[in-house]
Amino acid sequence: LLQNQISAMSGFMGDAKIPVNEVSLPIRPPSEDGEPERLLRVKQYNNTITTDAKSPTKQSARRISGTSIKSFFSPLNGSVLMVHGSCASLEQYEKLVEILYPFLKKKNFVAEAFDAFGCGKSAKPKRTKAYAERELQADLAAIYEKVKHPTTNFIIGHSYGTSQVIKLINEMSDEDKKAVKGVILLSGAFPGTNGGHPIFILPSMFLDLIQGFLSSQFRAAAYHPTADPALLEAAADRSNANPMYMCKYFYEQTKWATYDEIQGVTCRTLVVHGEGDNILSLDAGRRLHSALPNASFKVMPNVSHQLMEEDPETLANHIIEFMTESLK
């Protein structure tokens, strides 16, 4: 069984004092073959509903019984779930959330983001199977089940997260598909490269030795040359905090969405790509857009792969325009 209680922290984020709830959430119980409990960090933005029905107060800790977890994630008028990319963290979305907040507040929508298993502040077991593609996909499905609104949902995916979102929609019931009013795919690709970069064939002990080099190479490719140096510093901290055994296990088991799965996303979709993306090329983003049955395409100049960090204002404008049209 899942834990009967979860720990929750409520507080505020940024100058706009965005209400934030953060939980360490047991998504799925230990499996019969010895896999550990799936414990993920989940953050919820613009939900002032807490267990005692009061607005959050800074650094106030609460315990939530297992029977009230669903009510804790009550999504008001609608839900926006954000899925990060490979070996990343929910922090990458927070500048975007700050800019979207007035729109979310006006619409009375709740936004949610989470650290995938092995990422950010989520659990990081040293077991290959823990990072299997089907396990991570099952985590996403379990989170969506907790945060979804009955009639009005938007889902945002970045990089490899776009593939996970596509697969999530393919696995939904017809009723859940109808409740997805729009999907936003950032820096995605078709086709993707299953199994990741060949360098992750190397033993994790060797990968530990070259982690700093790999992190610097990622930053050079993922951020535009004009990017704020503070972004690069934050990216270095996140990359260097990743256990390399986790990166190895994850990338070796990646499986990108197929053409048929992409064709299965029939809801309104917005594809956004950085003009200077050196991780997943602009052409790969165009191919993803072409494979989707009901998609529009936006190209953002002067950004690379991490467009939600590099130019969150422009991206937020694209998202607000898309969501507004999708809600008509």
Protein backbone atom coordinates (compact mmCIF):
# COMPACT_ATOMS: atom_id res chain seq x y z
CA LEU A 1 0.00 0.00 0.00
CA LEU A 2 1.01 3.61 -0.49
CA GLN A 3 1.94 5.58 2.58
CA ASN A 4 -1.15 6.67 4.55
CA GLN A 5 0.24 10.18 4.79
CA ILE A 6 2.42 12.47 2.71
CA SER A 7 4.40 15.50 3.77
CA ALA A 8 3.33 18.83 2.30
CA MET A 9 4.88 22.30 2.35
CA SER A 10 2.82 25.36 1.44
CA GLY A 11 4.26 28.77 0.68
CA PHE A 12 4.66 31.44 -1.98
CA MET A 13 6.94 31.82 -5.02
CA GLY A 14 8.38 34.95 -6.60
CA ASP A 15 7.48 38.60 -6.37
CA ALA A 16 3.90 37.81 -7.41
CA LYS A 17 3.50 35.66 -4.29
CA ILE A 18 2.22 32.67 -6.24
CA PRO A 19 0.63 30.12 -3.88
CA VAL A 20 2.69 26.93 -4.02
CA ASN A 21 2.11 23.50 -2.50
CA GLU A 22 5.01 21.02 -2.60
CA VAL A 23 4.71 17.36 -1.70
CA SER A 24 6.89 14.28 -1.72
CA LEU A 25 4.30 11.97 -3.19
CA PRO A 26 4.27 8.16 -3.22
CA ILE A 27 3.02 7.53 -6.76
CA ARG A 28 3.06 3.73 -6.80
CA PRO A 29 3.75 1.07 -4.14
CA PRO A 30 6.74 -1.31 -4.12
CA SER A 31 6.39 -4.05 -6.73
CA GLU A 32 6.35 -7.78 -6.08
CA ASP A 33 9.70 -8.17 -7.88
CA GLY A 34 11.47 -5.85 -5.46
CA GLU A 35 11.19 -2.45 -7.11
CA PRO A 36 10.97 0.29 -4.46
CA GLU A 37 8.09 2.66 -3.83
CA ARG A 38 7.94 5.40 -6.46
CA LEU A 39 8.39 8.63 -4.48
CA LEU A 40 8.27 11.84 -6.53
CA ARG A 41 8.48 15.54 -5.75
CA VAL A 42 5.39 17.37 -7.03
CA LYS A 43 4.75 21.14 -6.98
CA GLN A 44 1.41 22.79 -7.46
CA TYR A 45 1.04 26.47 -8.41
CA ASN A 46 -1.98 28.73 -7.81
CA ASN A 47 -3.93 26.30 -5.64
CA THR A 48 -4.87 27.94 -2.35
CA ILE A 49 -6.90 24.89 -1.33
CA THR A 50 -5.13 23.10 1.52
CA THR A 51 -6.20 20.47 3.98
CA ASP A 52 -7.49 23.04 6.44
CA ALA A 53 -9.13 25.19 3.72
CA LYS A 54 -6.90 28.15 4.51
CA SER A 55 -4.56 30.03 2.21
CA PRO A 56 -0.99 28.76 2.42
CA THR A 57 1.32 30.40 4.91
CA LYS A 58 5.06 30.53 4.35
CA GLN A 59 6.90 27.41 5.50
CA SER A 60 3.80 25.86 7.07
CA ALA A 61 4.05 22.07 7.09
CA ARG A 62 1.02 19.81 6.93
CA ARG A 63 0.27 16.12 6.88
CA ILE A 64 -2.27 14.86 4.38
CA SER A 65 -4.08 11.58 4.86
CA GLY A 66 -4.11 9.16 1.95
CA THR A 67 -7.88 9.53 1.59
CA SER A 68 -7.60 13.29 0.99
CA ILE A 69 -4.75 13.29 -1.54
CA LYS A 70 -7.22 13.71 -4.40
CA SER A 71 -8.86 16.73 -2.77
CA PHE A 72 -5.41 18.25 -2.15
CA PHE A 73 -4.86 18.18 -5.91
CA SER A 74 -8.30 19.64 -6.62
CA PRO A 75 -7.74 21.52 -9.91
CA LEU A 76 -10.30 24.37 -9.56
CA ASN A 77 -11.46 25.35 -13.11
CA GLY A 78 -8.72 23.54 -14.99
CA SER A 79 -5.31 21.90 -14.80
CA VAL A 80 -1.99 22.55 -16.58
CA LEU A 81 0.50 19.70 -16.12
CA MET A 82 4.14 20.39 -17.06
CA VAL A 83 6.49 17.50 -17.91
CA HIS A 84 10.23 18.18 -18.03
CA GLY A 85 12.76 16.54 -20.32
CA SER A 86 15.48 13.94 -19.78
CA CYS A 87 17.45 14.12 -16.52
CA ALA A 88 16.03 17.61 -15.87
CA SER A 89 13.99 19.23 -13.09
CA LEU A 90 10.72 21.07 -12.53
CA GLU A 91 12.70 24.23 -11.69
CA GLN A 92 13.17 24.78 -15.42
CA TYR A 93 9.49 25.74 -15.67
CA GLU A 94 9.30 28.19 -12.78
CA LYS A 95 10.17 31.41 -14.64
CA LEU A 96 7.49 30.49 -17.16
CA VAL A 97 4.99 29.84 -14.36
CA GLU A 98 5.68 33.28 -12.86
CA ILE A 99 4.80 34.95 -16.18
CA LEU A 100 1.75 32.73 -16.76
CA TYR A 101 0.47 33.32 -13.23
CA PRO A 102 -1.85 36.31 -13.95
CA PHE A 103 -3.50 34.27 -16.72
CA LEU A 104 -3.79 31.18 -14.52
CA LYS A 105 -5.20 33.26 -11.69
CA LYS A 106 -7.78 34.90 -13.96
CA LYS A 107 -8.87 31.52 -15.33
CA ASN A 108 -8.70 29.93 -11.86
CA PHE A 109 -6.42 27.18 -13.19
CA VAL A 110 -3.91 25.15 -11.21
CA ALA A 111 -0.51 24.27 -12.71
CA GLU A 112 1.53 21.25 -11.63
CA ALA A 113 5.09 20.10 -12.27
CA PHE A 114 7.12 17.21 -10.90
CA ASP A 115 10.63 15.82 -10.72
CA ALA A 116 10.65 12.50 -12.56
CA PHE A 117 12.10 9.47 -10.82
CA GLY A 118 15.85 10.00 -10.47
CA CYS A 119 15.62 13.73 -11.18
CA GLY A 120 15.73 16.86 -9.02
CA LYS A 121 14.54 16.07 -5.50
CA SER A 122 12.78 12.80 -6.36
CA ALA A 123 14.09 9.40 -5.26
CA LYS A 124 17.21 8.05 -7.05
CA PRO A 125 17.55 4.29 -6.50
CA LYS A 126 20.55 2.59 -8.04
CA ARG A 127 18.56 0.04 -10.05
CA THR A 128 18.43 -0.17 -13.85
CA LYS A 129 14.78 -1.21 -14.00
CA ALA A 130 13.69 1.81 -11.94
CA TYR A 131 14.33 4.01 -14.99
CA ALA A 132 12.77 1.78 -17.63
CA GLU A 133 10.64 3.64 -20.14
CA ARG A 134 7.46 1.84 -19.10
CA GLU A 135 8.10 2.61 -15.41
CA LEU A 136 8.53 6.33 -16.08
CA GLN A 137 5.46 6.31 -18.31
CA ALA A 138 3.44 4.64 -15.56
CA ASP A 139 4.61 7.37 -13.15
CA LEU A 140 3.34 10.07 -15.51
CA ALA A 141 -0.01 8.31 -15.90
CA ALA A 142 -0.34 8.04 -12.11
CA ILE A 143 0.41 11.73 -11.61
CA TYR A 144 -2.01 12.75 -14.34
CA GLU A 145 -4.73 10.67 -12.69
CA LYS A 146 -4.22 12.64 -9.47
CA VAL A 147 -4.08 16.15 -10.94
CA LYS A 148 -6.46 16.01 -13.91
CA HIS A 149 -9.60 18.15 -14.11
CA PRO A 150 -12.82 16.38 -15.15
CA THR A 151 -13.31 18.55 -18.25
CA THR A 152 -10.44 20.99 -18.83
CA ASN A 153 -6.77 20.01 -19.05
CA PHE A 154 -3.66 21.26 -20.80
CA ILE A 155 -0.39 19.30 -20.88
CA ILE A 156 3.04 20.79 -21.60
CA GLY A 157 6.04 18.63 -22.43
CA HIS A 158 9.67 19.61 -23.09
CA SER A 159 12.29 17.67 -25.06
CA TYR A 160 11.95 13.94 -24.24
CA GLY A 161 8.93 14.96 -22.17
CA THR A 162 7.11 15.65 -25.46
CA SER A 163 7.37 11.95 -26.29
CA GLN A 164 6.10 10.99 -22.84
CA VAL A 165 3.11 13.33 -23.21
CA ILE A 166 2.29 11.86 -26.63
CA LYS A 167 2.35 8.34 -25.19
CA LEU A 168 0.26 9.42 -22.19
CA ILE A 169 -2.49 10.69 -24.48
CA ASN A 170 -2.44 7.51 -26.55
CA GLU A 171 -3.04 5.48 -23.38
CA MET A 172 -5.95 7.62 -22.13
CA SER A 173 -9.57 6.59 -22.12
CA ASP A 174 -11.84 8.32 -24.63
CA GLU A 175 -13.35 10.34 -21.77
CA ASP A 176 -9.94 11.58 -20.63
CA LYS A 177 -8.93 12.45 -24.20
CA LYS A 178 -12.01 14.66 -24.54
CA ALA A 179 -10.96 16.56 -21.40
CA VAL A 180 -7.57 17.48 -22.92
CA LYS A 181 -8.22 20.86 -24.46
CA GLY A 182 -4.70 21.32 -25.72
CA VAL A 183 -1.15 19.99 -25.75
CA ILE A 184 1.98 22.14 -25.93
CA LEU A 185 5.16 20.44 -27.13
CA LEU A 186 8.42 22.34 -26.58
CA SER A 187 11.73 21.44 -28.27
CA GLY A 188 10.49 18.03 -29.36
CA ALA A 189 11.57 15.83 -32.25
CA PHE A 190 10.55 13.22 -34.75
CA PRO A 191 12.09 10.80 -35.03
CA GLY A 192 13.88 10.60 -31.71
CA THR A 193 16.98 8.51 -31.04
CA ASN A 194 16.16 5.50 -28.89
CA GLY A 195 18.85 4.53 -26.41
CA GLY A 196 20.31 8.02 -26.15
CA HIS A 197 23.86 9.08 -26.94
CA PRO A 198 26.37 6.22 -27.43
CA ILE A 199 28.57 7.66 -24.67
CA PHE A 200 26.14 6.27 -22.08
CA ILE A 201 27.26 2.77 -22.98
CA LEU A 202 30.34 3.54 -20.87
CA PRO A 203 30.46 2.35 -17.23
CA SER A 204 29.00 4.83 -14.77
CA MET A 205 32.37 5.03 -12.95
CA PHE A 206 33.92 6.49 -16.10
CA LEU A 207 30.93 8.76 -16.67
CA ASP A 208 31.48 10.14 -13.16
CA LEU A 209 34.98 11.21 -14.18
CA ILE A 210 33.80 13.14 -17.23
CA GLN A 211 30.58 14.52 -15.77
CA GLY A 212 31.87 18.09 -15.69
CA PHE A 213 32.85 17.89 -19.36
CA LEU A 214 29.48 16.42 -20.36
CA SER A 215 27.67 19.15 -18.42
CA SER A 216 29.66 21.88 -20.16
CA GLN A 217 28.94 20.35 -23.57
CA PHE A 218 25.23 20.23 -22.78
CA ARG A 219 25.14 23.87 -21.72
CA ALA A 220 26.94 24.96 -24.87
CA ALA A 221 24.38 23.18 -27.03
CA ALA A 222 21.21 23.77 -25.00
CA TYR A 223 21.52 27.54 -24.49
CA HIS A 224 21.82 30.29 -27.07
CA PRO A 225 25.16 32.20 -27.05
CA THR A 226 23.27 35.26 -25.77
CA ALA A 227 21.76 33.41 -22.79
CA ASP A 228 22.00 34.97 -19.33
CA PRO A 229 25.14 33.63 -17.57
CA ALA A 230 23.01 33.03 -14.48
CA LEU A 231 21.00 30.48 -16.47
CA LEU A 232 24.19 28.66 -17.40
CA GLU A 233 25.33 28.59 -13.78
CA ALA A 234 21.99 27.19 -12.62
CA ALA A 235 22.10 24.60 -15.42
CA ALA A 236 25.59 23.54 -14.34
CA ASP A 237 24.41 23.04 -10.77
CA ARG A 238 21.46 20.90 -11.90
CA SER A 239 23.50 18.82 -14.33
CA ASN A 240 26.31 18.17 -11.88
CA ALA A 241 23.80 17.09 -9.23
CA ASN A 242 22.57 14.22 -11.40
CA PRO A 243 23.99 10.81 -10.45
CA MET A 244 25.62 9.47 -13.58
CA TYR A 245 24.33 5.96 -12.92
CA MET A 246 20.82 7.43 -13.21
CA CYS A 247 21.68 9.18 -16.49
CA LYS A 248 23.14 5.97 -17.88
CA TYR A 249 20.16 3.81 -16.86
CA PHE A 250 17.72 6.40 -18.18
CA TYR A 251 19.26 7.06 -21.58
CA GLU A 252 19.92 3.40 -22.33
CA GLN A 253 16.18 2.73 -22.04
CA THR A 254 14.67 5.74 -23.81
CA LYS A 255 11.99 4.97 -26.41
CA TRP A 256 10.64 7.91 -28.37
CA ALA A 257 7.06 8.08 -29.59
CA THR A 258 6.43 6.42 -32.93
CA TYR A 259 4.73 7.97 -35.93
CA ASP A 260 1.52 6.07 -35.14
CA GLU A 261 1.57 7.36 -31.55
CA ILE A 262 2.09 10.93 -32.76
CA GLN A 263 -0.84 10.48 -35.13
CA GLY A 264 -2.91 9.42 -32.12
CA VAL A 265 -2.77 12.96 -30.65
CA THR A 266 -5.82 14.48 -32.32
CA CYS A 267 -6.50 17.34 -29.88
CA ARG A 268 -5.33 20.89 -30.60
CA THR A 269 -1.54 20.98 -30.31
CA LEU A 270 1.04 23.75 -30.28
CA VAL A 271 4.61 22.88 -31.24
CA VAL A 272 7.25 25.45 -30.27
CA HIS A 273 10.93 25.19 -31.20
CA GLY A 274 14.01 27.33 -30.76
CA GLU A 275 15.55 28.54 -34.01
CA GLY A 276 19.03 27.76 -32.69
CA ASP A 277 18.30 24.43 -30.97
CA ASN A 278 21.53 22.40 -30.99
CA ILE A 279 20.13 19.46 -28.99
CA LEU A 280 17.09 18.57 -31.12
CA SER A 281 17.23 20.40 -34.43
CA LEU A 282 14.63 22.78 -35.79
CA ASP A 283 14.10 20.33 -38.68
CA ALA A 284 13.29 17.59 -36.15
CA GLY A 285 10.73 19.94 -34.60
CA ARG A 286 9.21 20.63 -38.01
CA ARG A 287 8.90 16.90 -38.66
CA LEU A 288 7.11 16.47 -35.33
CA HIS A 289 4.70 19.24 -36.27
CA SER A 290 4.07 17.68 -39.70
CA ALA A 291 3.29 14.29 -38.13
CA LEU A 292 0.64 15.71 -35.78
CA PRO A 293 -2.93 15.79 -37.14
CA ASN A 294 -4.05 19.07 -35.55
CA ALA A 295 -1.02 21.21 -34.76
CA SER A 296 0.29 24.74 -35.19
CA PHE A 297 3.98 25.63 -35.18
CA LYS A 298 5.93 28.51 -33.68
CA VAL A 299 9.64 29.21 -34.08
CA MET A 300 11.33 31.32 -31.40
CA PRO A 301 14.41 33.32 -32.46
CA ASN A 302 17.52 33.80 -30.35
CA VAL A 303 16.96 30.70 -28.21
CA SER A 304 18.21 27.13 -28.29
CA HIS A 305 16.78 24.07 -26.52
CA GLN A 306 15.84 25.56 -23.14
CA LEU A 307 13.42 28.11 -24.56
CA MET A 308 11.22 28.25 -21.43
CA GLU A 309 14.25 29.51 -19.48
CA GLU A 310 15.88 31.58 -22.24
CA ASP A 311 12.82 33.58 -23.27
CA PRO A 312 9.89 32.76 -20.98
CA GLU A 313 8.03 35.97 -21.90
CA THR A 314 7.71 35.10 -25.60
CA LEU A 315 6.86 31.50 -24.84
CA ALA A 316 4.22 32.55 -22.30
CA ASN A 317 2.59 34.76 -24.93
CA HIS A 318 2.41 31.81 -27.35
CA ILE A 319 0.93 29.57 -24.63
CA ILE A 320 -1.66 32.12 -23.50
CA GLU A 321 -2.77 32.73 -27.08
CA PHE A 322 -3.06 28.99 -27.68
CA MET A 323 -4.92 28.27 -24.42
CA THR A 324 -7.31 31.18 -24.98
CA GLU A 325 -8.22 29.90 -28.44
CA SER A 326 -8.54 26.32 -27.16
CA LEU A 327 -11.01 27.38 -24.46
CA LYS A 328 -13.42 29.08 -26.86
